[in-house]
Protein backbone atom coordinates (compact mmCIF):
# COMPACT_ATOMS: atom_id res chain seq x y z
CA MET A 1 100.03 -38.16 -42.82
CA ILE A 2 97.37 -40.79 -43.79
CA HIS A 3 95.53 -38.00 -43.56
CA LYS A 4 97.57 -35.44 -45.75
CA TYR A 5 97.83 -38.13 -48.31
CA ASP A 6 93.73 -38.55 -48.91
CA SER A 7 93.70 -34.70 -49.50
CA PHE A 8 96.30 -34.91 -52.12
CA ILE A 9 94.44 -38.14 -53.45
CA LYS A 10 90.71 -36.18 -53.03
CA MET A 11 92.48 -33.12 -55.39
CA LEU A 12 94.20 -35.15 -57.84
CA LEU A 13 90.61 -36.72 -58.57
CA LEU A 14 89.04 -33.38 -58.99
CA LEU A 15 91.18 -32.51 -61.41
CA VAL A 16 90.97 -35.46 -63.36
CA LEU A 17 87.14 -35.14 -63.48
CA ALA A 18 87.27 -31.45 -64.74
CA PHE A 19 90.00 -32.37 -67.33
CA THR A 20 87.46 -34.84 -68.73
CA LEU A 21 84.49 -32.55 -68.27
CA SER A 22 86.41 -30.93 -70.68
CA LEU A 23 87.35 -33.11 -72.72
CA THR A 24 83.42 -34.22 -73.24
CA LEU A 25 81.92 -31.08 -74.57
CA ASN A 26 85.09 -30.76 -76.62
CA ALA A 27 83.27 -34.06 -77.85
CA GLN A 28 80.23 -32.49 -77.76
CA THR A 29 81.00 -28.83 -79.66
CA TYR A 30 83.09 -30.98 -82.74
CA MET A 31 81.01 -34.63 -83.69
CA VAL A 32 82.95 -35.48 -86.19
CA GLN A 33 86.05 -36.70 -84.29
CA SER A 34 83.08 -39.42 -82.65
CA PRO A 35 81.88 -42.09 -84.81
CA GLY A 36 78.44 -42.99 -85.42
CA VAL A 37 75.57 -40.98 -84.83
CA PRO A 38 75.83 -38.39 -81.39
CA LYS A 39 73.87 -37.36 -78.88
CA SER A 40 73.31 -34.38 -78.62
CA PRO A 41 73.83 -33.03 -74.57
CA GLY A 42 70.18 -33.01 -74.21
CA GLY A 43 69.94 -36.51 -76.23
CA GLU A 44 67.58 -34.83 -79.43
CA THR A 45 68.89 -36.62 -82.35
CA LEU A 46 66.86 -36.60 -85.53
CA LYS A 47 67.20 -39.26 -88.19
CA ASN A 48 64.88 -39.39 -91.32
CA ALA A 49 65.89 -40.28 -95.30
CA GLY A 50 69.73 -40.97 -94.25
CA TYR A 51 70.03 -37.20 -92.30
CA SER A 52 70.11 -36.31 -88.85
CA TYR A 53 71.04 -33.26 -86.63
CA THR A 54 73.06 -32.16 -83.24
CA ILE A 55 72.59 -29.46 -81.00
CA ILE A 56 76.10 -28.07 -80.33
CA PRO A 57 77.34 -25.25 -77.67
CA SER A 58 79.00 -22.42 -79.23
CA VAL A 59 80.48 -19.09 -78.16
CA ASN A 60 78.68 -16.78 -75.20
CA ASN A 61 75.95 -19.44 -74.08
CA THR A 62 74.54 -19.86 -77.61
CA TRP A 63 73.36 -22.85 -79.58
CA GLY A 64 74.62 -24.16 -83.20
CA TYR A 65 74.16 -27.68 -84.76
CA ASP A 66 75.44 -30.11 -86.41
CA ILE A 67 73.85 -32.37 -89.56
CA TYR A 68 75.08 -35.86 -90.63
CA LEU A 69 74.58 -37.88 -93.75
CA GLN A 70 74.89 -41.45 -93.10
CA LYS A 71 76.12 -41.19 -90.00
CA ARG A 72 78.95 -38.81 -91.48
CA LEU A 73 79.08 -34.88 -90.57
CA PHE A 74 77.38 -33.34 -93.48
CA ILE A 75 77.61 -29.52 -92.12
CA HIS A 76 79.04 -28.36 -88.99
CA GLN A 77 77.30 -25.22 -88.10
CA PRO A 78 78.45 -23.18 -84.76
CA SER A 79 77.09 -19.72 -85.42
CA VAL A 80 73.98 -17.92 -87.37
CA PRO A 81 74.24 -18.20 -90.65
CA GLY A 82 74.19 -14.76 -92.28
CA LEU A 83 75.17 -13.06 -89.28
CA PRO A 84 78.31 -11.70 -88.48
CA GLY A 85 80.47 -12.91 -85.49
CA ASN A 86 81.04 -16.67 -84.09
CA GLU A 87 78.31 -16.53 -81.76
CA GLY A 88 74.33 -19.19 -82.48
CA PHE A 89 71.47 -19.38 -81.70
CA ASN A 90 70.56 -17.86 -78.37
CA THR A 91 68.33 -20.78 -77.37
CA ARG A 92 68.21 -24.62 -78.18
CA ILE A 93 64.96 -24.32 -79.91
CA ASP A 94 65.94 -21.59 -81.75
CA ALA A 95 69.12 -24.39 -83.03
CA LYS A 96 67.27 -27.40 -83.07
CA LYS A 97 64.69 -25.10 -85.73
CA ALA A 98 67.03 -23.86 -87.89
CA ALA A 99 68.42 -27.48 -87.72
CA ARG A 100 65.15 -29.17 -88.82
CA LEU A 101 64.79 -26.25 -91.70
CA VAL A 102 67.84 -26.85 -93.54
CA ILE A 103 67.01 -30.38 -93.49
CA GLY A 104 64.07 -29.92 -94.97
CA LYS A 105 65.53 -27.40 -97.69
CA ILE A 106 68.56 -30.39 -98.83
CA LYS A 107 66.11 -32.68 -99.15
CA THR A 108 63.36 -30.58 -101.25
CA ALA A 109 66.74 -29.72 -103.60
CA SER A 110 68.06 -33.32 -103.97
CA ALA A 111 64.73 -33.84 -105.24
CA ARG A 112 65.25 -31.68 -108.25
CA ALA A 113 66.78 -33.01 -110.31
CA PRO A 114 68.95 -32.68 -112.48
CA ASP A 115 69.75 -29.29 -110.51
CA SER A 116 70.89 -30.80 -107.20
CA TRP A 117 74.46 -31.82 -105.41
CA THR A 118 75.31 -35.31 -104.59
CA GLN A 119 77.94 -36.03 -101.84
CA LYS A 120 80.17 -38.45 -104.02
CA THR A 121 83.12 -38.69 -101.18
CA ASP A 122 84.78 -36.96 -98.01
CA VAL A 123 86.41 -33.81 -98.47
CA GLY A 124 90.07 -35.02 -96.60
CA GLY A 125 91.21 -33.49 -93.22
CA ILE A 126 89.56 -31.44 -90.41
CA ALA A 127 85.71 -30.23 -90.64
CA ARG A 128 85.24 -27.07 -92.26
CA GLN A 129 82.52 -24.35 -91.73
CA ASN A 130 81.36 -21.92 -93.93
CA ALA A 131 82.16 -24.06 -97.16
CA VAL A 132 80.39 -22.63 -100.35
CA GLY A 133 79.19 -24.03 -104.03
CA PHE A 134 78.14 -22.97 -106.87
CA SER A 135 77.97 -23.83 -110.92
CA ILE A 136 79.03 -21.98 -114.07
CA GLY A 137 78.21 -23.52 -117.06
CA ASN A 138 78.77 -26.99 -117.09
CA LYS A 139 82.03 -27.04 -113.93
CA GLY A 140 81.71 -26.86 -110.68
CA TYR A 141 83.00 -24.72 -107.61
CA ILE A 142 83.76 -26.14 -103.92
CA GLY A 143 85.62 -23.95 -101.57
CA THR A 144 84.77 -26.47 -98.77
CA GLY A 145 85.34 -23.16 -96.00
CA VAL A 146 87.36 -22.08 -92.91
CA ASP A 147 88.96 -25.37 -90.33
CA ILE A 148 86.78 -25.42 -87.66
CA LEU A 149 90.10 -25.66 -85.54
CA THR A 150 92.60 -23.32 -86.89
CA GLY A 151 90.16 -20.41 -88.37
CA THR A 152 91.99 -20.98 -92.23
CA SER A 153 91.16 -22.59 -94.92
CA ASN A 154 92.84 -22.58 -98.19
CA ASP A 155 91.26 -25.08 -100.37
CA PHE A 156 88.97 -24.35 -103.57
CA TRP A 157 87.80 -26.77 -106.10
CA GLU A 158 86.79 -26.96 -109.93
CA TYR A 159 85.11 -29.85 -110.93
CA ILE A 160 85.52 -30.27 -115.33
CA PRO A 161 83.45 -33.14 -115.97
CA LEU A 162 84.55 -34.85 -119.43
CA CYS A 163 82.48 -33.51 -122.23
CA PRO A 164 83.82 -34.23 -125.52
CA SER A 165 82.98 -32.58 -128.26
CA PRO A 166 80.63 -33.58 -130.76
CA PRO A 167 80.81 -35.81 -133.85
CA PRO A 168 80.39 -34.10 -137.46
CA PRO A 169 77.14 -33.34 -138.48
CA THR A 170 74.94 -36.41 -140.72
CA ASN A 171 73.91 -35.22 -143.69
CA THR A 172 70.74 -35.45 -144.32
CA THR A 173 69.53 -33.53 -147.40
CA PRO A 174 67.22 -35.49 -150.00
CA VAL A 175 69.30 -36.58 -153.39
CA GLY A 176 67.04 -34.79 -155.37
CA ASN A 177 68.15 -31.59 -153.49
CA LEU A 178 71.73 -31.78 -154.01
CA SER A 179 71.24 -31.45 -158.14
CA ILE A 180 69.61 -28.29 -158.87
CA CYS A 181 69.25 -25.65 -162.66
CA SER A 182 70.93 -22.44 -162.84
CA GLY A 183 69.22 -19.87 -161.15
CA ASN A 184 67.31 -21.90 -158.52
CA TYR A 185 67.68 -22.59 -154.84
CA THR A 186 67.55 -25.61 -152.71
CA THR A 187 67.04 -26.88 -149.08
CA LEU A 188 69.64 -28.62 -147.34
CA THR A 189 69.29 -30.49 -144.13
CA ALA A 190 71.64 -32.63 -141.08
CA SER A 191 71.91 -34.34 -138.24
CA GLY A 192 73.30 -33.95 -134.28
CA THR A 193 73.55 -33.35 -131.29
CA GLY A 194 74.00 -29.49 -130.49
CA THR A 195 73.40 -26.45 -132.62
CA LEU A 196 74.46 -26.72 -135.90
CA GLY A 197 76.06 -23.67 -137.77
CA TRP A 198 76.57 -23.30 -141.99
CA TYR A 199 79.54 -21.73 -142.91
CA ASP A 200 81.55 -21.35 -146.70
CA SER A 201 84.74 -22.81 -145.92
CA GLN A 202 85.79 -26.62 -144.26
CA GLU A 203 87.73 -23.91 -141.10
CA GLY A 204 87.53 -20.53 -140.52
CA GLY A 205 85.06 -18.74 -143.57
CA THR A 206 81.62 -17.16 -143.12
CA TRP A 207 79.08 -18.03 -141.30
CA LEU A 208 75.96 -18.66 -143.54
CA GLY A 209 73.31 -19.54 -141.14
CA GLY A 210 72.16 -21.90 -138.56
CA ALA A 211 69.75 -24.58 -137.44
CA SER A 212 68.31 -27.17 -140.03
CA PRO A 213 66.81 -26.70 -143.16
CA PHE A 214 68.93 -23.96 -144.69
CA ILE A 215 67.96 -22.44 -147.48
CA THR A 216 70.69 -21.42 -150.36
CA PRO A 217 70.39 -18.15 -152.02
CA ILE A 218 70.43 -19.24 -155.46
CA LEU A 219 72.68 -20.45 -157.81
CA THR A 220 74.85 -20.74 -160.45
CA ALA A 221 77.41 -22.77 -159.66
CA ASN A 222 78.38 -25.99 -158.80
CA THR A 223 78.71 -24.64 -154.60
CA THR A 224 79.89 -26.55 -151.16
CA TYR A 225 78.64 -25.81 -147.61
CA TYR A 226 79.93 -27.00 -144.54
CA VAL A 227 78.05 -27.90 -141.42
CA GLN A 228 79.56 -28.04 -138.27
CA ASP A 229 78.19 -28.99 -134.81
CA SER A 230 78.59 -26.98 -131.80
CA THR A 231 78.13 -27.91 -127.66
CA ASP A 232 78.70 -26.81 -124.35
CA CYS A 233 81.53 -28.89 -124.81
CA GLY A 234 82.61 -27.48 -128.06
CA ALA A 235 82.20 -27.55 -131.75
CA SER A 236 83.09 -30.34 -133.66
CA ALA A 237 86.26 -31.26 -135.07
CA THR A 238 85.67 -31.32 -137.93
CA ARG A 239 82.64 -29.64 -140.69
CA THR A 240 80.61 -32.07 -143.07
CA GLU A 241 81.08 -31.23 -146.87
CA ILE A 242 78.06 -30.82 -148.59
CA THR A 243 78.08 -30.43 -152.20
CA VAL A 244 75.61 -29.20 -154.98
CA THR A 245 76.03 -29.55 -158.24
CA VAL A 246 73.75 -26.63 -160.41
CA ASN A 247 73.09 -27.95 -163.78
CA PRO A 248 72.64 -25.42 -167.12
CA VAL A 249 69.45 -25.38 -168.22
CA PRO A 250 69.94 -25.52 -172.72
CA PRO A 251 69.09 -23.09 -174.67
CA ALA A 252 65.97 -23.70 -176.67
CA PRO A 253 65.86 -24.66 -179.74
CA VAL A 254 65.03 -24.02 -183.30
CA ILE A 255 63.07 -26.01 -184.80
CA THR A 256 62.20 -26.34 -189.51
CA ASN A 257 59.99 -28.58 -191.08
CA THR A 258 60.48 -30.46 -194.45
CA GLU A 259 56.32 -30.65 -195.63
CA ASP A 260 55.29 -33.07 -192.96
CA THR A 261 58.60 -33.81 -190.94
CA LEU A 262 59.99 -31.27 -188.09
CA PHE A 263 63.70 -30.68 -187.40
CA SER A 264 65.14 -29.84 -183.75
CA SER A 265 68.45 -27.52 -183.53
CA ALA A 266 69.40 -29.97 -180.08
CA PRO A 267 71.06 -33.17 -181.69
CA ASP A 268 69.50 -34.64 -177.36
CA GLY A 269 67.31 -34.29 -175.12
CA ASN A 270 64.16 -32.82 -177.18
CA GLN A 271 60.38 -34.11 -176.87
CA TRP A 272 58.24 -33.24 -179.30
CA TYR A 273 54.56 -31.04 -178.21
CA PHE A 274 51.83 -30.91 -180.31
CA ASP A 275 49.27 -27.88 -179.41
CA GLY A 276 50.67 -27.92 -176.02
CA THR A 277 50.31 -31.27 -175.24
CA LEU A 278 53.31 -33.99 -174.89
CA ILE A 279 53.71 -36.74 -177.44
CA ALA A 280 53.99 -39.78 -175.80
CA GLY A 281 57.58 -41.02 -177.13
CA ALA A 282 58.72 -38.23 -179.33
CA THR A 283 61.98 -37.61 -177.82
CA SER A 284 64.60 -37.95 -181.64
CA GLN A 285 65.62 -34.94 -183.03
CA THR A 286 62.75 -35.15 -186.08
CA TYR A 287 59.16 -36.27 -185.47
CA VAL A 288 56.88 -36.71 -188.93
CA ALA A 289 53.97 -34.80 -187.60
CA THR A 290 50.80 -36.68 -188.42
CA GLN A 291 47.81 -34.24 -187.93
CA SER A 292 46.90 -30.24 -188.45
CA GLY A 293 47.47 -28.07 -185.26
CA TYR A 294 50.84 -26.13 -183.57
CA TYR A 295 54.23 -27.92 -182.78
CA GLY A 296 57.01 -27.13 -181.21
CA ASP A 297 59.83 -28.41 -178.58
CA VAL A 298 61.59 -28.33 -175.38
CA ILE A 299 65.36 -29.74 -174.13
CA THR A 300 65.67 -30.84 -171.11
CA LEU A 301 68.92 -32.30 -170.17
CA ASN A 302 70.09 -33.27 -166.68
CA GLY A 303 66.54 -32.51 -165.29
CA CYS A 304 66.62 -29.12 -166.66
CA SER A 305 64.25 -28.18 -169.34
CA SER A 306 64.56 -25.36 -171.98
CA ASP A 307 61.98 -22.85 -173.11
CA THR A 308 60.17 -24.14 -175.67
CA SER A 309 60.69 -23.83 -179.02
CA ASN A 310 58.89 -21.47 -181.88
CA THR A 311 55.98 -23.07 -182.79
CA LEU A 312 54.72 -24.25 -186.48
CA PHE A 313 51.68 -24.88 -187.37
CA LEU A 314 51.45 -27.98 -190.32
CA PHE A 315 48.52 -28.48 -192.26
CA MET A 316 48.30 -32.78 -193.13
CA GLY A 317 45.85 -34.38 -195.44
CA ILE A 318 45.65 -34.40 -199.00
CA ASP A 319 42.05 -35.19 -201.34
CA PRO A 320 41.06 -38.57 -202.07
CA HIS A 321 38.12 -37.87 -203.53
CA THR A 322 38.69 -37.64 -207.25
CA SER A 323 35.94 -36.11 -207.93
CA VAL A 324 37.05 -33.33 -206.58
CA GLU A 325 39.58 -30.94 -208.74
CA ILE A 326 41.25 -27.58 -207.02
CA ASN A 327 43.77 -25.45 -208.09
CA VAL A 328 45.78 -22.21 -207.36
CA TYR A 329 46.90 -19.95 -209.72
CA PRO A 330 49.07 -17.87 -210.90
CA VAL A 331 52.06 -19.07 -208.15
CA PRO A 332 53.99 -17.23 -207.60
CA ASN A 333 51.90 -13.82 -207.52
CA ASN A 334 51.94 -10.25 -206.03
CA GLY A 335 49.05 -11.28 -203.79
CA ARG A 336 46.28 -11.22 -206.03
CA PHE A 337 45.42 -14.53 -206.96
CA ASN A 338 42.93 -17.15 -208.30
CA VAL A 339 41.17 -20.50 -207.12
CA SER A 340 39.52 -22.71 -208.96
CA ILE A 341 36.75 -25.78 -207.62
CA THR A 342 35.28 -28.58 -209.43
CA THR A 343 32.97 -31.12 -208.05
CA LEU A 344 30.71 -33.55 -209.26
CA SER A 345 28.06 -32.66 -207.08
CA LYS A 346 27.05 -29.82 -204.53
CA GLU A 347 29.42 -30.05 -201.68
CA SER A 348 30.20 -26.91 -199.24
CA PHE A 349 33.84 -25.40 -198.72
CA SER A 350 35.69 -23.25 -196.41
CA ILE A 351 38.81 -21.61 -197.39
CA ARG A 352 41.42 -20.46 -194.77
CA VAL A 353 44.81 -18.90 -196.07
CA TYR A 354 47.58 -19.14 -192.87
CA ASN A 355 51.33 -17.21 -192.82
CA TYR A 356 54.18 -18.87 -191.98
CA LEU A 357 53.80 -17.95 -188.23
CA GLY A 358 50.61 -20.41 -188.79
CA ALA A 359 48.22 -17.59 -188.02
CA MET A 360 45.43 -17.06 -190.57
CA ILE A 361 45.27 -13.98 -192.29
CA ARG A 362 41.43 -14.42 -193.83
CA GLU A 363 38.63 -17.07 -193.61
CA GLU A 364 35.90 -17.94 -195.93
CA GLU A 365 33.09 -20.09 -194.92
CA LYS A 366 29.87 -22.12 -196.85
CA LEU A 367 30.90 -21.37 -200.35
CA ASP A 368 29.01 -23.82 -202.46
CA VAL A 369 30.34 -25.61 -205.31
CA ASN A 370 27.83 -27.93 -207.49
CA GLY A 371 30.29 -28.42 -210.41
CA SER A 372 32.81 -25.47 -210.98
CA ILE A 373 33.60 -22.20 -209.61
CA GLN A 374 36.13 -19.59 -209.59
CA LYS A 375 36.89 -17.20 -207.08
CA MET A 376 39.85 -14.50 -206.70
CA ILE A 377 41.05 -13.37 -203.95
CA ASP A 378 43.14 -10.31 -203.11
CA LEU A 379 46.17 -10.51 -200.19
CA SER A 380 47.68 -7.48 -201.68
CA LEU A 381 47.54 -6.40 -198.46
CA VAL A 382 50.38 -9.06 -196.94
CA PRO A 383 53.94 -8.72 -197.33
CA SER A 384 55.82 -11.20 -199.18
CA GLY A 385 56.31 -15.09 -198.61
CA VAL A 386 54.92 -18.49 -198.61
CA TYR A 387 51.12 -18.41 -197.48
CA THR A 388 49.18 -21.74 -196.92
CA ILE A 389 45.76 -22.68 -198.17
CA VAL A 390 43.46 -24.78 -196.82
CA PHE A 391 40.19 -25.90 -198.24
CA LYS A 392 38.46 -27.82 -196.40
CA ASN A 393 34.74 -30.05 -196.72
CA ARG A 394 32.82 -32.38 -194.82
CA GLN A 395 35.28 -35.51 -195.51
CA ASN A 396 38.81 -33.68 -196.11
CA GLN A 397 41.05 -30.58 -196.67
CA VAL A 398 43.25 -29.81 -199.37
CA VAL A 399 46.27 -27.99 -198.50
CA LYS A 400 47.89 -25.65 -201.55
CA LYS A 401 51.30 -23.03 -200.94
CA ILE A 402 51.48 -19.82 -202.80
CA ILE A 403 54.68 -17.73 -203.00
CA VAL A 404 53.80 -13.84 -202.97
CA ASN A 405 56.33 -11.85 -204.19
CA LYS A 406 56.01 -8.48 -204.42
């Protein structure tokens, strides 16, 4: 009986040894169940920057590998990636090369921030294989792969990062660009975090253009524009309103005169000019001329200026010399009239005749007088109207007016 029990015990020990060997092989295949960084059957383990790998047996005497990150299973690869079937590499050396290559690729990809993936937490449940991950736009997608024990899977995850819509853009348009004169355009500017779009209404409406600056078309009335900011996370909830004030251009004034005093038809905004040059301080509705020449007026209201008024030519100055006497007769006349000049000494005069527009129509130079002289001037070809005659010597000038009435 003792020998029979010995045989039974030996048989039982063999069964326990076989069962233990089976458990050991299973532990080597599914290393995720073992704590720490497991060893491969050949004791080959690579540790580099938190990554390690072990060579594992696979079906039909082939070989795969497990890759660990910080002692946690990161990739379980019992088969050759990209090939049909479940068989692994033909030799352990091939599996080792593949594992090293994958770790190198992972390290290279991790260094290419921000286009990289970082593990944030473990996937719940048992280890998987053939997982897939990709991104579309600002969303991430993970398919957790096949359950290595049951061969089934049903997990696919979408990650939507917190992505608030941008605030409304900031109006950065200079104040001077917000008020223009009718018949002009202006430039509007705004700032935001994404892409700007300009519209003609607060909601919906017509898209007028993008980016900043935005150049308006020619405007003739007050116009409001609306600018919106857009990013990958959406558009701003509201649009920023920017209004352009369009001021009318005042009409050109009409000026008249009574002797040396000029009058403008516009009560406000006057600016008088002499020979095309601005007269400083001459901004009233009237202006008293001080010298001979052309006078005009421009009206400016709300920063908008009119065209120049009609121009008037005024002759200034009187003869203070009692030694010179000048007469023109008859007045009125039919265009033919006489002038008489009397002096106490020899003097030389010029005679110029101007129409009501200030245009010179007749000129005589170097009329020498020593005592008294009379001269007839023929303007019979000119139309009826008021004409101005200017007599000028080296010291002064005398202005006379005549009326031609035909």
